[in-house]
Amino acid sequence: MIDTEENIITEATSKVMKHNPNSSSVRAVIPKSISAILDTKDGDVVNWKALTKNDKIFVIIEKAE
């Protein structure tokens, strides 16, 4: 699935922040370049998947249908 850096079409950075001090959840903004590729709009739902390969963790985000 994730073979090499040749599959990367864009890279971006987000800062992780605690939104609610009473929760253990954290939030990160989907960068504009990623949002544009996914064609996300306000209110859209995205699905997150985490996987490992060669001792690295990768996260896949996809716009829900």
N, C-alpha and C. Protein backbone atom coordinates (compact mmCIF):
# COMPACT_ATOMS: atom_id res chain seq x y z
N MET A 1 0.82 -1.19 0.00
CA MET A 1 0.00 0.00 0.00
C MET A 1 0.87 1.25 0.00
N ILE A 2 1.67 1.44 1.05
CA ILE A 2 2.56 2.60 1.10
C ILE A 2 3.96 2.07 0.84
N ASP A 3 4.46 2.30 -0.36
CA ASP A 3 5.72 1.68 -0.74
C ASP A 3 6.92 2.62 -0.60
N THR A 4 6.86 3.79 -1.23
CA THR A 4 8.01 4.69 -1.22
C THR A 4 7.53 6.13 -1.16
N GLU A 5 8.49 7.02 -1.03
CA GLU A 5 8.17 8.44 -1.04
C GLU A 5 7.63 8.88 -2.39
N GLU A 6 7.79 8.07 -3.42
CA GLU A 6 7.27 8.43 -4.75
C GLU A 6 5.75 8.55 -4.73
N ASN A 7 5.09 7.96 -3.74
CA ASN A 7 3.63 8.05 -3.63
C ASN A 7 3.17 9.36 -3.02
N ILE A 8 4.07 10.14 -2.44
CA ILE A 8 3.69 11.38 -1.77
C ILE A 8 3.37 12.44 -2.83
N ILE A 9 2.17 13.02 -2.73
CA ILE A 9 1.80 14.09 -3.68
C ILE A 9 1.84 15.46 -3.03
N THR A 10 1.83 15.51 -1.71
CA THR A 10 2.00 16.76 -0.99
C THR A 10 2.39 16.45 0.45
N GLU A 11 3.00 17.40 1.10
CA GLU A 11 3.35 17.26 2.51
C GLU A 11 2.89 18.51 3.23
N ALA A 12 2.51 18.38 4.48
CA ALA A 12 2.07 19.52 5.27
C ALA A 12 2.31 19.23 6.74
N THR A 13 2.22 20.26 7.56
CA THR A 13 2.43 20.14 8.99
C THR A 13 1.24 20.75 9.72
N SER A 14 0.81 20.11 10.79
CA SER A 14 -0.24 20.63 11.65
C SER A 14 0.23 20.58 13.09
N LYS A 15 -0.27 21.51 13.89
CA LYS A 15 0.02 21.50 15.32
C LYS A 15 -1.13 20.81 16.03
N VAL A 16 -0.82 19.90 16.92
CA VAL A 16 -1.82 19.18 17.70
C VAL A 16 -2.10 20.00 18.96
N MET A 17 -3.40 20.20 19.23
CA MET A 17 -3.80 21.02 20.38
C MET A 17 -4.89 20.32 21.18
N LYS A 18 -4.89 20.55 22.46
CA LYS A 18 -5.96 20.04 23.32
C LYS A 18 -7.11 21.04 23.23
N HIS A 19 -8.26 20.58 22.79
CA HIS A 19 -9.41 21.47 22.61
C HIS A 19 -10.21 21.64 23.89
N ASN A 20 -10.36 20.57 24.63
CA ASN A 20 -11.16 20.58 25.85
C ASN A 20 -10.30 20.07 27.00
N PRO A 21 -10.06 20.90 28.00
CA PRO A 21 -9.19 20.45 29.11
C PRO A 21 -9.75 19.27 29.89
N ASN A 22 -11.05 18.99 29.75
CA ASN A 22 -11.67 17.87 30.46
C ASN A 22 -11.65 16.58 29.65
N SER A 23 -11.03 16.59 28.48
CA SER A 23 -11.01 15.43 27.60
C SER A 23 -9.57 15.03 27.30
N SER A 24 -9.37 13.76 26.98
CA SER A 24 -8.03 13.31 26.59
C SER A 24 -7.82 13.44 25.08
N SER A 25 -8.86 13.86 24.35
CA SER A 25 -8.74 14.02 22.90
C SER A 25 -7.91 15.25 22.55
N VAL A 26 -7.28 15.19 21.40
CA VAL A 26 -6.56 16.35 20.86
C VAL A 26 -7.07 16.60 19.44
N ARG A 27 -6.81 17.79 18.92
CA ARG A 27 -7.26 18.15 17.57
C ARG A 27 -6.08 18.65 16.74
N ALA A 28 -6.21 18.45 15.46
CA ALA A 28 -5.27 19.02 14.50
C ALA A 28 -6.08 19.48 13.29
N VAL A 29 -5.68 20.57 12.71
CA VAL A 29 -6.36 21.10 11.53
C VAL A 29 -5.89 20.33 10.30
N ILE A 30 -6.81 20.01 9.39
CA ILE A 30 -6.42 19.42 8.12
C ILE A 30 -5.82 20.55 7.28
N PRO A 31 -4.56 20.45 6.89
CA PRO A 31 -3.94 21.53 6.12
C PRO A 31 -4.69 21.81 4.82
N LYS A 32 -4.62 23.06 4.39
CA LYS A 32 -5.34 23.51 3.18
C LYS A 32 -5.01 22.65 1.97
N SER A 33 -3.74 22.30 1.81
CA SER A 33 -3.35 21.52 0.63
C SER A 33 -3.98 20.12 0.65
N ILE A 34 -4.09 19.52 1.84
CA ILE A 34 -4.71 18.20 1.96
C ILE A 34 -6.22 18.32 1.78
N SER A 35 -6.82 19.34 2.39
CA SER A 35 -8.25 19.58 2.25
C SER A 35 -8.65 19.78 0.79
N ALA A 36 -7.81 20.48 0.05
CA ALA A 36 -8.09 20.72 -1.37
C ALA A 36 -8.05 19.42 -2.17
N ILE A 37 -7.09 18.55 -1.87
CA ILE A 37 -7.00 17.27 -2.56
C ILE A 37 -8.23 16.42 -2.27
N LEU A 38 -8.68 16.44 -1.00
CA LEU A 38 -9.85 15.65 -0.61
C LEU A 38 -11.17 16.33 -1.00
N ASP A 39 -11.09 17.60 -1.37
CA ASP A 39 -12.28 18.40 -1.70
C ASP A 39 -13.25 18.43 -0.53
N THR A 40 -12.71 18.69 0.68
CA THR A 40 -13.56 18.76 1.87
C THR A 40 -14.14 20.15 2.03
N LYS A 41 -15.34 20.17 2.57
CA LYS A 41 -16.06 21.41 2.86
C LYS A 41 -16.46 21.37 4.33
N ASP A 42 -16.84 22.53 4.87
CA ASP A 42 -17.30 22.61 6.25
C ASP A 42 -18.46 21.64 6.47
N GLY A 43 -18.35 20.82 7.50
CA GLY A 43 -19.41 19.86 7.81
C GLY A 43 -19.19 18.47 7.22
N ASP A 44 -18.23 18.32 6.30
CA ASP A 44 -17.94 16.99 5.74
C ASP A 44 -17.40 16.07 6.82
N VAL A 45 -17.54 14.78 6.60
CA VAL A 45 -17.03 13.76 7.51
C VAL A 45 -15.82 13.11 6.84
N VAL A 46 -14.77 12.88 7.64
CA VAL A 46 -13.59 12.17 7.13
C VAL A 46 -13.37 10.92 7.98
N ASN A 47 -12.84 9.90 7.37
CA ASN A 47 -12.50 8.65 8.04
C ASN A 47 -10.98 8.57 8.19
N TRP A 48 -10.53 8.13 9.35
CA TRP A 48 -9.11 7.98 9.65
C TRP A 48 -8.78 6.51 9.82
N LYS A 49 -7.65 6.09 9.27
CA LYS A 49 -7.14 4.73 9.46
C LYS A 49 -5.66 4.84 9.79
N ALA A 50 -5.20 4.04 10.74
CA ALA A 50 -3.78 4.01 11.07
C ALA A 50 -3.24 2.63 10.73
N LEU A 51 -2.04 2.60 10.15
CA LEU A 51 -1.42 1.32 9.81
C LEU A 51 0.07 1.40 10.06
N THR A 52 0.68 0.26 10.15
CA THR A 52 2.13 0.20 10.33
C THR A 52 2.76 -0.53 9.17
N LYS A 53 3.96 -0.09 8.84
CA LYS A 53 4.76 -0.77 7.83
C LYS A 53 6.21 -0.44 8.11
N ASN A 54 7.03 -1.46 8.16
CA ASN A 54 8.46 -1.30 8.44
C ASN A 54 8.70 -0.46 9.69
N ASP A 55 7.95 -0.75 10.75
CA ASP A 55 8.10 -0.08 12.04
C ASP A 55 7.77 1.42 12.00
N LYS A 56 7.05 1.87 11.00
CA LYS A 56 6.58 3.25 10.93
C LYS A 56 5.05 3.24 10.97
N ILE A 57 4.47 4.29 11.52
CA ILE A 57 3.03 4.43 11.57
C ILE A 57 2.60 5.43 10.50
N PHE A 58 1.60 5.05 9.72
CA PHE A 58 1.04 5.90 8.68
C PHE A 58 -0.44 6.11 8.98
N VAL A 59 -0.93 7.29 8.69
CA VAL A 59 -2.34 7.59 8.88
C VAL A 59 -2.95 7.93 7.54
N ILE A 60 -4.07 7.29 7.27
CA ILE A 60 -4.80 7.54 6.02
C ILE A 60 -6.07 8.29 6.37
N ILE A 61 -6.33 9.38 5.69
CA ILE A 61 -7.57 10.11 5.86
C ILE A 61 -8.29 10.12 4.53
N GLU A 62 -9.58 9.82 4.56
CA GLU A 62 -10.37 9.85 3.33
C GLU A 62 -11.72 10.49 3.60
N LYS A 63 -12.19 11.22 2.63
CA LYS A 63 -13.49 11.86 2.76
C LYS A 63 -14.56 10.78 2.72
N ALA A 64 -15.49 10.82 3.69
CA ALA A 64 -16.55 9.84 3.73
C ALA A 64 -17.53 10.11 2.59
N GLU A 65 -18.06 9.02 2.05
CA GLU A 65 -19.03 9.15 0.96
C GLU A 65 -20.40 9.47 1.48
